Amino acid sequence: MEAMMAFVFLGLAIAAEVLGTSLIKSTEGFTKLWPTLASLSAYAVSFLTLSMAIQRGLQVGVGYAIWSGLGTTLIVIIGALFLSEPITLAKVVGVALVVAGVVVLNLGGVH
């Protein structure tokens, strides 16, 4: 049960980090108060829930790899769908390598 909760907290950490990163453009260089507060709050929640996942037994390296890898992948997708950012071959290859790295860490590090 504790391991399951670690992954629940990790999922919340990823969602909060993706939200915080998605809001960065709307802060206009942290000059807009409400988007800035929302972005920074989302990052605070992300770090809090990531630490809770690690406290519940998730290895730091594996937890961080999943958090950053899935966050990066989701931000590339959100950027393409909602922020009019182009999908390039370099982005696709880069994200594929990140995902492959997370998979390798999970296969070798969790058990």
PDB file of N, CA and C in Angstrom:
ATOM      1  N   MET A   1       0.819  -1.198   0.000  1.00  0.00           N
ATOM      2  CA  MET A   1       0.000   0.000   0.000  1.00  0.00           C
ATOM      3  C   MET A   1       0.865   1.266   0.000  1.00  0.00           C
ATOM      4  N   GLU A   2       1.953   1.219   0.771  1.00  0.00           N
ATOM      5  CA  GLU A   2       2.852   2.374   0.839  1.00  0.00           C
ATOM      6  C   GLU A   2       3.481   2.650  -0.530  1.00  0.00           C
ATOM      7  N   ALA A   3       3.847   1.596  -1.254  1.00  0.00           N
ATOM      8  CA  ALA A   3       4.433   1.761  -2.590  1.00  0.00           C
ATOM      9  C   ALA A   3       3.411   2.371  -3.553  1.00  0.00           C
ATOM     10  N   MET A   4       2.156   1.956  -3.428  1.00  0.00           N
ATOM     11  CA  MET A   4       1.105   2.511  -4.276  1.00  0.00           C
ATOM     12  C   MET A   4       0.937   4.000  -3.998  1.00  0.00           C
ATOM     13  N   MET A   5       0.962   4.374  -2.722  1.00  0.00           N
ATOM     14  CA  MET A   5       0.837   5.790  -2.353  1.00  0.00           C
ATOM     15  C   MET A   5       2.022   6.599  -2.868  1.00  0.00           C
ATOM     16  N   ALA A   6       3.201   5.995  -2.905  1.00  0.00           N
ATOM     17  CA  ALA A   6       4.371   6.689  -3.444  1.00  0.00           C
ATOM     18  C   ALA A   6       4.109   7.075  -4.897  1.00  0.00           C
ATOM     19  N   PHE A   7       3.528   6.163  -5.659  1.00  0.00           N
ATOM     20  CA  PHE A   7       3.259   6.462  -7.065  1.00  0.00           C
ATOM     21  C   PHE A   7       2.076   7.419  -7.236  1.00  0.00           C
ATOM     22  N   VAL A   8       1.129   7.403  -6.331  1.00  0.00           N
ATOM     23  CA  VAL A   8       0.048   8.397  -6.356  1.00  0.00           C
ATOM     24  C   VAL A   8       0.638   9.790  -6.141  1.00  0.00           C
ATOM     25  N   PHE A   9       1.495   9.927  -5.136  1.00  0.00           N
ATOM     26  CA  PHE A   9       2.132  11.221  -4.884  1.00  0.00           C
ATOM     27  C   PHE A   9       3.034  11.636  -6.043  1.00  0.00           C
ATOM     28  N   LEU A  10       3.705  10.666  -6.648  1.00  0.00           N
ATOM     29  CA  LEU A  10       4.537  10.977  -7.807  1.00  0.00           C
ATOM     30  C   LEU A  10       3.674  11.495  -8.959  1.00  0.00           C
ATOM     31  N   GLY A  11       2.522  10.878  -9.180  1.00  0.00           N
ATOM     32  CA  GLY A  11       1.607  11.354 -10.223  1.00  0.00           C
ATOM     33  C   GLY A  11       1.137  12.779  -9.955  1.00  0.00           C
ATOM     34  N   LEU A  12       0.834  13.064  -8.701  1.00  0.00           N
ATOM     35  CA  LEU A  12       0.432  14.435  -8.335  1.00  0.00           C
ATOM     36  C   LEU A  12       1.583  15.413  -8.547  1.00  0.00           C
ATOM     37  N   ALA A  13       2.797  14.974  -8.218  1.00  0.00           N
ATOM     38  CA  ALA A  13       3.974  15.829  -8.411  1.00  0.00           C
ATOM     39  C   ALA A  13       4.175  16.151  -9.890  1.00  0.00           C
ATOM     40  N   ILE A  14       4.003  15.160 -10.736  1.00  0.00           N
ATOM     41  CA  ILE A  14       4.159  15.363 -12.180  1.00  0.00           C
ATOM     42  C   ILE A  14       3.085  16.315 -12.697  1.00  0.00           C
ATOM     43  N   ALA A  15       1.849  16.103 -12.272  1.00  0.00           N
ATOM     44  CA  ALA A  15       0.752  16.969 -12.728  1.00  0.00           C
ATOM     45  C   ALA A  15       0.985  18.416 -12.291  1.00  0.00           C
ATOM     46  N   ALA A  16       1.428  18.615 -11.056  1.00  0.00           N
ATOM     47  CA  ALA A  16       1.666  19.974 -10.562  1.00  0.00           C
ATOM     48  C   ALA A  16       2.838  20.627 -11.290  1.00  0.00           C
ATOM     49  N   GLU A  17       3.882  19.855 -11.562  1.00  0.00           N
ATOM     50  CA  GLU A  17       5.033  20.407 -12.278  1.00  0.00           C
ATOM     51  C   GLU A  17       4.654  20.796 -13.699  1.00  0.00           C
ATOM     52  N   VAL A  18       3.866  19.969 -14.350  1.00  0.00           N
ATOM     53  CA  VAL A  18       3.421  20.274 -15.714  1.00  0.00           C
ATOM     54  C   VAL A  18       2.540  21.524 -15.713  1.00  0.00           C
ATOM     55  N   LEU A  19       1.674  21.653 -14.728  1.00  0.00           N
ATOM     56  CA  LEU A  19       0.848  22.847 -14.612  1.00  0.00           C
ATOM     57  C   LEU A  19       1.722  24.086 -14.418  1.00  0.00           C
ATOM     58  N   GLY A  20       2.662  24.013 -13.497  1.00  0.00           N
ATOM     59  CA  GLY A  20       3.541  25.153 -13.237  1.00  0.00           C
ATOM     60  C   GLY A  20       4.331  25.563 -14.469  1.00  0.00           C
ATOM     61  N   THR A  21       4.850  24.581 -15.189  1.00  0.00           N
ATOM     62  CA  THR A  21       5.620  24.871 -16.395  1.00  0.00           C
ATOM     63  C   THR A  21       4.723  25.425 -17.498  1.00  0.00           C
ATOM     64  N   SER A  22       3.517  24.897 -17.616  1.00  0.00           N
ATOM     65  CA  SER A  22       2.580  25.387 -18.632  1.00  0.00           C
ATOM     66  C   SER A  22       2.205  26.847 -18.405  1.00  0.00           C
ATOM     67  N   LEU A  23       2.237  27.276 -17.165  1.00  0.00           N
ATOM     68  CA  LEU A  23       1.860  28.651 -16.834  1.00  0.00           C
ATOM     69  C   LEU A  23       2.987  29.659 -17.009  1.00  0.00           C
ATOM     70  N   ILE A  24       4.212  29.195 -17.191  1.00  0.00           N
ATOM     71  CA  ILE A  24       5.352  30.116 -17.244  1.00  0.00           C
ATOM     72  C   ILE A  24       5.190  31.172 -18.329  1.00  0.00           C
ATOM     73  N   LYS A  25       4.750  30.788 -19.507  1.00  0.00           N
ATOM     74  CA  LYS A  25       4.609  31.755 -20.602  1.00  0.00           C
ATOM     75  C   LYS A  25       3.636  32.869 -20.225  1.00  0.00           C
ATOM     76  N   SER A  26       2.568  32.516 -19.520  1.00  0.00           N
ATOM     77  CA  SER A  26       1.563  33.519 -19.151  1.00  0.00           C
ATOM     78  C   SER A  26       2.049  34.466 -18.053  1.00  0.00           C
ATOM     79  N   THR A  27       3.162  34.149 -17.391  1.00  0.00           N
ATOM     80  CA  THR A  27       3.688  35.065 -16.365  1.00  0.00           C
ATOM     81  C   THR A  27       4.377  36.269 -16.987  1.00  0.00           C
ATOM     82  N   GLU A  28       4.692  36.170 -18.286  1.00  0.00           N
ATOM     83  CA  GLU A  28       5.397  37.227 -19.017  1.00  0.00           C
ATOM     84  C   GLU A  28       6.641  37.671 -18.253  1.00  0.00           C
ATOM     85  N   GLY A  29       7.520  36.696 -17.996  1.00  0.00           N
ATOM     86  CA  GLY A  29       8.767  36.996 -17.298  1.00  0.00           C
ATOM     87  C   GLY A  29       8.557  37.278 -15.820  1.00  0.00           C
ATOM     88  N   PHE A  30       7.553  36.667 -15.240  1.00  0.00           N
ATOM     89  CA  PHE A  30       7.174  36.850 -13.841  1.00  0.00           C
ATOM     90  C   PHE A  30       6.791  38.302 -13.534  1.00  0.00           C
ATOM     91  N   THR A  31       6.193  38.967 -14.526  1.00  0.00           N
ATOM     92  CA  THR A  31       5.710  40.337 -14.323  1.00  0.00           C
ATOM     93  C   THR A  31       4.207  40.387 -14.089  1.00  0.00           C
ATOM     94  N   LYS A  32       3.504  39.289 -14.353  1.00  0.00           N
ATOM     95  CA  LYS A  32       2.056  39.203 -14.117  1.00  0.00           C
ATOM     96  C   LYS A  32       1.829  38.464 -12.798  1.00  0.00           C
ATOM     97  N   LEU A  33       1.188  39.133 -11.847  1.00  0.00           N
ATOM     98  CA  LEU A  33       1.078  38.613 -10.486  1.00  0.00           C
ATOM     99  C   LEU A  33       0.390  37.259 -10.413  1.00  0.00           C
ATOM    100  N   TRP A  34      -0.843  37.145 -10.909  1.00  0.00           N
ATOM    101  CA  TRP A  34      -1.621  35.922 -10.695  1.00  0.00           C
ATOM    102  C   TRP A  34      -1.044  34.709 -11.409  1.00  0.00           C
ATOM    103  N   PRO A  35      -0.653  34.831 -12.665  1.00  0.00           N
ATOM    104  CA  PRO A  35      -0.010  33.667 -13.292  1.00  0.00           C
ATOM    105  C   PRO A  35       1.301  33.278 -12.586  1.00  0.00           C
ATOM    106  N   THR A  36       2.044  34.275 -12.119  1.00  0.00           N
ATOM    107  CA  THR A  36       3.286  33.997 -11.391  1.00  0.00           C
ATOM    108  C   THR A  36       3.001  33.242 -10.107  1.00  0.00           C
ATOM    109  N   LEU A  37       2.027  33.712  -9.346  1.00  0.00           N
ATOM    110  CA  LEU A  37       1.674  33.026  -8.100  1.00  0.00           C
ATOM    111  C   LEU A  37       1.168  31.612  -8.365  1.00  0.00           C
ATOM    112  N   ALA A  38       0.383  31.454  -9.416  1.00  0.00           N
ATOM    113  CA  ALA A  38      -0.130  30.125  -9.758  1.00  0.00           C
ATOM    114  C   ALA A  38       1.013  29.192 -10.160  1.00  0.00           C
ATOM    115  N   SER A  39       1.931  29.681 -10.979  1.00  0.00           N
ATOM    116  CA  SER A  39       3.058  28.866 -11.418  1.00  0.00           C
ATOM    117  C   SER A  39       3.941  28.462 -10.240  1.00  0.00           C
ATOM    118  N   LEU A  40       4.303  29.423  -9.400  1.00  0.00           N
ATOM    119  CA  LEU A  40       5.157  29.130  -8.253  1.00  0.00           C
ATOM    120  C   LEU A  40       4.461  28.206  -7.252  1.00  0.00           C
ATOM    121  N   SER A  41       3.156  28.382  -7.087  1.00  0.00           N
ATOM    122  CA  SER A  41       2.397  27.501  -6.190  1.00  0.00           C
ATOM    123  C   SER A  41       2.381  26.068  -6.722  1.00  0.00           C
ATOM    124  N   ALA A  42       2.199  25.934  -8.024  1.00  0.00           N
ATOM    125  CA  ALA A  42       2.199  24.598  -8.629  1.00  0.00           C
ATOM    126  C   ALA A  42       3.555  23.926  -8.437  1.00  0.00           C
ATOM    127  N   TYR A  43       4.638  24.690  -8.593  1.00  0.00           N
ATOM    128  CA  TYR A  43       5.968  24.126  -8.362  1.00  0.00           C
ATOM    129  C   TYR A  43       6.140  23.721  -6.901  1.00  0.00           C
ATOM    130  N   ALA A  44       5.649  24.527  -5.974  1.00  0.00           N
ATOM    131  CA  ALA A  44       5.740  24.184  -4.549  1.00  0.00           C
ATOM    132  C   ALA A  44       4.998  22.875  -4.264  1.00  0.00           C
ATOM    133  N   VAL A  45       3.798  22.746  -4.809  1.00  0.00           N
ATOM    134  CA  VAL A  45       3.029  21.506  -4.639  1.00  0.00           C
ATOM    135  C   VAL A  45       3.784  20.333  -5.260  1.00  0.00           C
ATOM    136  N   SER A  46       4.393  20.567  -6.415  1.00  0.00           N
ATOM    137  CA  SER A  46       5.137  19.511  -7.082  1.00  0.00           C
ATOM    138  C   SER A  46       6.288  19.007  -6.215  1.00  0.00           C
ATOM    139  N   PHE A  47       7.080  19.921  -5.669  1.00  0.00           N
ATOM    140  CA  PHE A  47       8.207  19.500  -4.830  1.00  0.00           C
ATOM    141  C   PHE A  47       7.723  18.841  -3.536  1.00  0.00           C
ATOM    142  N   LEU A  48       6.641  19.345  -2.989  1.00  0.00           N
ATOM    143  CA  LEU A  48       6.092  18.751  -1.776  1.00  0.00           C
ATOM    144  C   LEU A  48       5.653  17.308  -2.032  1.00  0.00           C
ATOM    145  N   THR A  49       4.892  17.097  -3.088  1.00  0.00           N
ATOM    146  CA  THR A  49       4.385  15.759  -3.367  1.00  0.00           C
ATOM    147  C   THR A  49       5.497  14.823  -3.853  1.00  0.00           C
ATOM    148  N   LEU A  50       6.514  15.353  -4.545  1.00  0.00           N
ATOM    149  CA  LEU A  50       7.661  14.524  -4.912  1.00  0.00           C
ATOM    150  C   LEU A  50       8.385  14.058  -3.655  1.00  0.00           C
ATOM    151  N   SER A  51       8.547  14.944  -2.685  1.00  0.00           N
ATOM    152  CA  SER A  51       9.207  14.542  -1.439  1.00  0.00           C
ATOM    153  C   SER A  51       8.374  13.518  -0.676  1.00  0.00           C
ATOM    154  N   MET A  52       7.058  13.639  -0.753  1.00  0.00           N
ATOM    155  CA  MET A  52       6.190  12.661  -0.091  1.00  0.00           C
ATOM    156  C   MET A  52       6.303  11.291  -0.761  1.00  0.00           C
ATOM    157  N   ALA A  53       6.467  11.281  -2.085  1.00  0.00           N
ATOM    158  CA  ALA A  53       6.652  10.020  -2.805  1.00  0.00           C
ATOM    159  C   ALA A  53       7.964   9.360  -2.391  1.00  0.00           C
ATOM    160  N   ILE A  54       8.997  10.159  -2.267  1.00  0.00           N
ATOM    161  CA  ILE A  54      10.297   9.624  -1.881  1.00  0.00           C
ATOM    162  C   ILE A  54      10.275   9.147  -0.431  1.00  0.00           C
ATOM    163  N   GLN A  55       9.580   9.882   0.420  1.00  0.00           N
ATOM    164  CA  GLN A  55       9.462   9.484   1.820  1.00  0.00           C
ATOM    165  C   GLN A  55       8.783   8.123   1.939  1.00  0.00           C
ATOM    166  N   ARG A  56       7.888   7.813   1.023  1.00  0.00           N
ATOM    167  CA  ARG A  56       7.149   6.558   1.079  1.00  0.00           C
ATOM    168  C   ARG A  56       7.879   5.401   0.396  1.00  0.00           C
ATOM    169  N   GLY A  57       9.142   5.597   0.092  1.00  0.00           N
ATOM    170  CA  GLY A  57       9.962   4.487  -0.370  1.00  0.00           C
ATOM    171  C   GLY A  57      10.439   4.555  -1.805  1.00  0.00           C
ATOM    172  N   LEU A  58       9.993   5.513  -2.566  1.00  0.00           N
ATOM    173  CA  LEU A  58      10.462   5.627  -3.942  1.00  0.00           C
ATOM    174  C   LEU A  58      11.922   6.085  -3.917  1.00  0.00           C
ATOM    175  N   GLN A  59      12.778   5.418  -4.665  1.00  0.00           N
ATOM    176  CA  GLN A  59      14.185   5.808  -4.717  1.00  0.00           C
ATOM    177  C   GLN A  59      14.302   7.190  -5.344  1.00  0.00           C
ATOM    178  N   VAL A  60      15.210   7.999  -4.823  1.00  0.00           N
ATOM    179  CA  VAL A  60      15.356   9.377  -5.293  1.00  0.00           C
ATOM    180  C   VAL A  60      15.659   9.425  -6.787  1.00  0.00           C
ATOM    181  N   GLY A  61      16.629   8.647  -7.226  1.00  0.00           N
ATOM    182  CA  GLY A  61      17.016   8.671  -8.637  1.00  0.00           C
ATOM    183  C   GLY A  61      15.899   8.227  -9.562  1.00  0.00           C
ATOM    184  N   VAL A  62      15.217   7.178  -9.182  1.00  0.00           N
ATOM    185  CA  VAL A  62      14.116   6.663  -9.997  1.00  0.00           C
ATOM    186  C   VAL A  62      12.948   7.643  -9.978  1.00  0.00           C
ATOM    187  N   GLY A  63      12.605   8.148  -8.797  1.00  0.00           N
ATOM    188  CA  GLY A  63      11.507   9.108  -8.684  1.00  0.00           C
ATOM    189  C   GLY A  63      11.762  10.364  -9.492  1.00  0.00           C
ATOM    190  N   TYR A  64      12.981  10.877  -9.391  1.00  0.00           N
ATOM    191  CA  TYR A  64      13.312  12.096 -10.134  1.00  0.00           C
ATOM    192  C   TYR A  64      13.314  11.830 -11.633  1.00  0.00           C
ATOM    193  N   ALA A  65      13.821  10.667 -12.055  1.00  0.00           N
ATOM    194  CA  ALA A  65      13.841  10.337 -13.480  1.00  0.00           C
ATOM    195  C   ALA A  65      12.424  10.261 -14.046  1.00  0.00           C
ATOM    196  N   ILE A  66      11.526   9.613 -13.309  1.00  0.00           N
ATOM    197  CA  ILE A  66      10.138   9.525 -13.767  1.00  0.00           C
ATOM    198  C   ILE A  66       9.494  10.905 -13.781  1.00  0.00           C
ATOM    199  N   TRP A  67       9.698  11.665 -12.702  1.00  0.00           N
ATOM    200  CA  TRP A  67       9.121  13.012 -12.568  1.00  0.00           C
ATOM    201  C   TRP A  67       9.585  13.919 -13.708  1.00  0.00           C
ATOM    202  N   SER A  68      10.880  13.965 -13.929  1.00  0.00           N
ATOM    203  CA  SER A  68      11.392  14.858 -14.965  1.00  0.00           C
ATOM    204  C   SER A  68      11.109  14.329 -16.369  1.00  0.00           C
ATOM    205  N   GLY A  69      11.218  13.015 -16.551  1.00  0.00           N
ATOM    206  CA  GLY A  69      10.995  12.446 -17.878  1.00  0.00           C
ATOM    207  C   GLY A  69       9.562  12.573 -18.351  1.00  0.00           C
ATOM    208  N   LEU A  70       8.625  12.201 -17.499  1.00  0.00           N
ATOM    209  CA  LEU A  70       7.215  12.334 -17.880  1.00  0.00           C
ATOM    210  C   LEU A  70       6.803  13.798 -17.970  1.00  0.00           C
ATOM    211  N   GLY A  71       7.352  14.614 -17.077  1.00  0.00           N
ATOM    212  CA  GLY A  71       7.068  16.053 -17.142  1.00  0.00           C
ATOM    213  C   GLY A  71       7.528  16.646 -18.461  1.00  0.00           C
ATOM    214  N   THR A  72       8.744  16.298 -18.868  1.00  0.00           N
ATOM    215  CA  THR A  72       9.278  16.789 -20.144  1.00  0.00           C
ATOM    216  C   THR A  72       8.420  16.326 -21.307  1.00  0.00           C
ATOM    217  N   THR A  73       8.058  15.066 -21.307  1.00  0.00           N
ATOM    218  CA  THR A  73       7.231  14.516 -22.384  1.00  0.00           C
ATOM    219  C   THR A  73       5.882  15.229 -22.455  1.00  0.00           C
ATOM    220  N   LEU A  74       5.248  15.392 -21.313  1.00  0.00           N
ATOM    221  CA  LEU A  74       3.934  16.054 -21.292  1.00  0.00           C
ATOM    222  C   LEU A  74       4.024  17.517 -21.716  1.00  0.00           C
ATOM    223  N   ILE A  75       5.094  18.206 -21.316  1.00  0.00           N
ATOM    224  CA  ILE A  75       5.250  19.613 -21.706  1.00  0.00           C
ATOM    225  C   ILE A  75       5.444  19.745 -23.214  1.00  0.00           C
ATOM    226  N   VAL A  76       6.179  18.834 -23.825  1.00  0.00           N
ATOM    227  CA  VAL A  76       6.342  18.871 -25.285  1.00  0.00           C
ATOM    228  C   VAL A  76       4.977  18.691 -25.953  1.00  0.00           C
ATOM    229  N   ILE A  77       4.185  17.759 -25.446  1.00  0.00           N
ATOM    230  CA  ILE A  77       2.849  17.525 -26.014  1.00  0.00           C
ATOM    231  C   ILE A  77       1.951  18.742 -25.801  1.00  0.00           C
ATOM    232  N   ILE A  78       1.942  19.299 -24.597  1.00  0.00           N
ATOM    233  CA  ILE A  78       1.124  20.486 -24.297  1.00  0.00           C
ATOM    234  C   ILE A  78       1.575  21.672 -25.141  1.00  0.00           C
ATOM    235  N   GLY A  79       2.890  21.828 -25.283  1.00  0.00           N
ATOM    236  CA  GLY A  79       3.406  22.918 -26.118  1.00  0.00           C
ATOM    237  C   GLY A  79       2.909  22.812 -27.549  1.00  0.00           C
ATOM    238  N   ALA A  80       2.882  21.605 -28.078  1.00  0.00           N
ATOM    239  CA  ALA A  80       2.419  21.407 -29.454  1.00  0.00           C
ATOM    240  C   ALA A  80       0.918  21.617 -29.574  1.00  0.00           C
ATOM    241  N   LEU A  81       0.154  21.110 -28.598  1.00  0.00           N
ATOM    242  CA  LEU A  81      -1.308  21.179 -28.698  1.00  0.00           C
ATOM    243  C   LEU A  81      -1.889  22.547 -28.339  1.00  0.00           C
ATOM    244  N   PHE A  82      -1.304  23.209 -27.344  1.00  0.00           N
ATOM    245  CA  PHE A  82      -1.943  24.420 -26.818  1.00  0.00           C
ATOM    246  C   PHE A  82      -1.106  25.691 -26.937  1.00  0.00           C
ATOM    247  N   LEU A  83       0.197  25.569 -27.164  1.00  0.00           N
ATOM    248  CA  LEU A  83       1.053  26.753 -27.198  1.00  0.00           C
ATOM    249  C   LEU A  83       1.644  27.009 -28.582  1.00  0.00           C
ATOM    250  N   SER A  84       1.139  26.321 -29.582  1.00  0.00           N
ATOM    251  CA  SER A  84       1.551  26.490 -30.976  1.00  0.00           C
ATOM    252  C   SER A  84       3.043  26.276 -31.187  1.00  0.00           C
ATOM    253  N   GLU A  85       3.630  25.357 -30.443  1.00  0.00           N
ATOM    254  CA  GLU A  85       5.046  25.053 -30.622  1.00  0.00           C
ATOM    255  C   GLU A  85       5.176  23.918 -31.626  1.00  0.00           C
ATOM    256  N   PRO A  86       6.162  23.998 -32.514  1.00  0.00           N
ATOM    257  CA  PRO A  86       6.303  22.963 -33.542  1.00  0.00           C
ATOM    258  C   PRO A  86       6.843  21.657 -32.966  1.00  0.00           C
ATOM    259  N   ILE A  87       6.409  20.559 -33.558  1.00  0.00           N
ATOM    260  CA  ILE A  87       6.973  19.244 -33.245  1.00  0.00           C
ATOM    261  C   ILE A  87       8.027  18.983 -34.312  1.00  0.00           C
ATOM    262  N   THR A  88       9.260  18.842 -33.873  1.00  0.00           N
ATOM    263  CA  THR A  88      10.362  18.581 -34.805  1.00  0.00           C
ATOM    264  C   THR A  88      10.889  17.167 -34.574  1.00  0.00           C
ATOM    265  N   LEU A  89      11.639  16.696 -35.540  1.00  0.00           N
ATOM    266  CA  LEU A  89      12.245  15.377 -35.407  1.00  0.00           C
ATOM    267  C   LEU A  89      13.156  15.337 -34.178  1.00  0.00           C
ATOM    268  N   ALA A  90      13.888  16.412 -33.949  1.00  0.00           N
ATOM    269  CA  ALA A  90      14.781  16.468 -32.786  1.00  0.00           C
ATOM    270  C   ALA A  90      13.992  16.341 -31.484  1.00  0.00           C
ATOM    271  N   LYS A  91      12.840  16.985 -31.393  1.00  0.00           N
ATOM    272  CA  LYS A  91      12.011  16.866 -30.188  1.00  0.00           C
ATOM    273  C   LYS A  91      11.502  15.443 -30.010  1.00  0.00           C
ATOM    274  N   VAL A  92      11.049  14.841 -31.082  1.00  0.00           N
ATOM    275  CA  VAL A  92      10.521  13.476 -31.005  1.00  0.00           C
ATOM    276  C   VAL A  92      11.623  12.512 -30.567  1.00  0.00           C
ATOM    277  N   VAL A  93      12.800  12.621 -31.169  1.00  0.00           N
ATOM    278  CA  VAL A  93      13.914  11.744 -30.809  1.00  0.00           C
ATOM    279  C   VAL A  93      14.331  12.003 -29.367  1.00  0.00           C
ATOM    280  N   GLY A  94      14.425  13.269 -28.982  1.00  0.00           N
ATOM    281  CA  GLY A  94      14.802  13.606 -27.613  1.00  0.00           C
ATOM    282  C   GLY A  94      13.847  13.046 -26.587  1.00  0.00           C
ATOM    283  N   VAL A  95      12.551  13.201 -26.825  1.00  0.00           N
ATOM    284  CA  VAL A  95      11.543  12.676 -25.897  1.00  0.00           C
ATOM    285  C   VAL A  95      11.604  11.151 -25.869  1.00  0.00           C
ATOM    286  N   ALA A  96      11.801  10.534 -27.012  1.00  0.00           N
ATOM    287  CA  ALA A  96      11.912   9.072 -27.049  1.00  0.00           C
ATOM    288  C   ALA A  96      13.109   8.597 -26.226  1.00  0.00           C
ATOM    289  N   LEU A  97      14.217   9.320 -26.295  1.00  0.00           N
ATOM    290  CA  LEU A  97      15.390   8.952 -25.500  1.00  0.00           C
ATOM    291  C   LEU A  97      15.133   9.145 -24.008  1.00  0.00           C
ATOM    292  N   VAL A  98      14.433  10.206 -23.656  1.00  0.00           N
ATOM    293  CA  VAL A  98      14.091  10.433 -22.243  1.00  0.00           C
ATOM    294  C   VAL A  98      13.215   9.290 -21.735  1.00  0.00           C
ATOM    295  N   VAL A  99      12.186   8.947 -22.501  1.00  0.00           N
ATOM    296  CA  VAL A  99      11.282   7.862 -22.102  1.00  0.00           C
ATOM    297  C   VAL A  99      12.058   6.551 -21.999  1.00  0.00           C
ATOM    298  N   ALA A 100      12.942   6.294 -22.947  1.00  0.00           N
ATOM    299  CA  ALA A 100      13.743   5.065 -22.898  1.00  0.00           C
ATOM    300  C   ALA A 100      14.611   5.046 -21.636  1.00  0.00           C
ATOM    301  N   GLY A 101      15.180   6.171 -21.278  1.00  0.00           N
ATOM    302  CA  GLY A 101      15.984   6.252 -20.064  1.00  0.00           C
ATOM    303  C   GLY A 101      15.172   5.968 -18.816  1.00  0.00           C
ATOM    304  N   VAL A 102      13.970   6.505 -18.756  1.00  0.00           N
ATOM    305  CA  VAL A 102      13.097   6.251 -17.605  1.00  0.00           C
ATOM    306  C   VAL A 102      12.735   4.767 -17.531  1.00  0.00           C
ATOM    307  N   VAL A 103      12.442   4.161 -18.662  1.00  0.00           N
ATOM    308  CA  VAL A 103      12.109   2.740 -18.683  1.00  0.00           C
ATOM    309  C   VAL A 103      13.291   1.905 -18.205  1.00  0.00           C
ATOM    310  N   VAL A 104      14.490   2.213 -18.685  1.00  0.00           N
ATOM    311  CA  VAL A 104      15.671   1.464 -18.260  1.00  0.00           C
ATOM    312  C   VAL A 104      15.902   1.611 -16.765  1.00  0.00           C
ATOM    313  N   LEU A 105      15.770   2.828 -16.234  1.00  0.00           N
ATOM    314  CA  LEU A 105      15.922   3.027 -14.787  1.00  0.00           C
ATOM    315  C   LEU A 105      14.894   2.223 -13.998  1.00  0.00           C
ATOM    316  N   ASN A 106      13.669   2.208 -14.489  1.00  0.00           N
ATOM    317  CA  ASN A 106      12.623   1.467 -13.792  1.00  0.00           C
ATOM    318  C   ASN A 106      12.865  -0.035 -13.838  1.00  0.00           C
ATOM    319  N   LEU A 107      13.301  -0.529 -14.952  1.00  0.00           N
ATOM    320  CA  LEU A 107      13.548  -1.964 -15.054  1.00  0.00           C
ATOM    321  C   LEU A 107      14.720  -2.395 -14.179  1.00  0.00           C
ATOM    322  N   GLY A 108      15.705  -1.526 -14.038  1.00  0.00           N
ATOM    323  CA  GLY A 108      16.884  -1.888 -13.267  1.00  0.00           C
ATOM    324  C   GLY A 108      16.892  -1.363 -11.845  1.00  0.00           C
ATOM    325  N   GLY A 109      16.036  -0.389 -11.524  1.00  0.00           N
ATOM    326  CA  GLY A 109      16.160   0.260 -10.240  1.00  0.00           C
ATOM    327  C   GLY A 109      15.061   0.009  -9.244  1.00  0.00           C
ATOM    328  N   VAL A 110      13.887  -0.372  -9.672  1.00  0.00           N
ATOM    329  CA  VAL A 110      12.757  -0.477  -8.763  1.00  0.00           C
ATOM    330  C   VAL A 110      12.773  -1.788  -7.989  1.00  0.00           C
ATOM    331  N   HIS A 111      13.235  -2.863  -8.585  1.00  0.00           N
ATOM    332  CA  HIS A 111      13.131  -4.190  -7.958  1.00  0.00           C
ATOM    333  C   HIS A 111      14.246  -4.414  -6.970  1.00  0.00           C
TER     334      HIS A 111
END
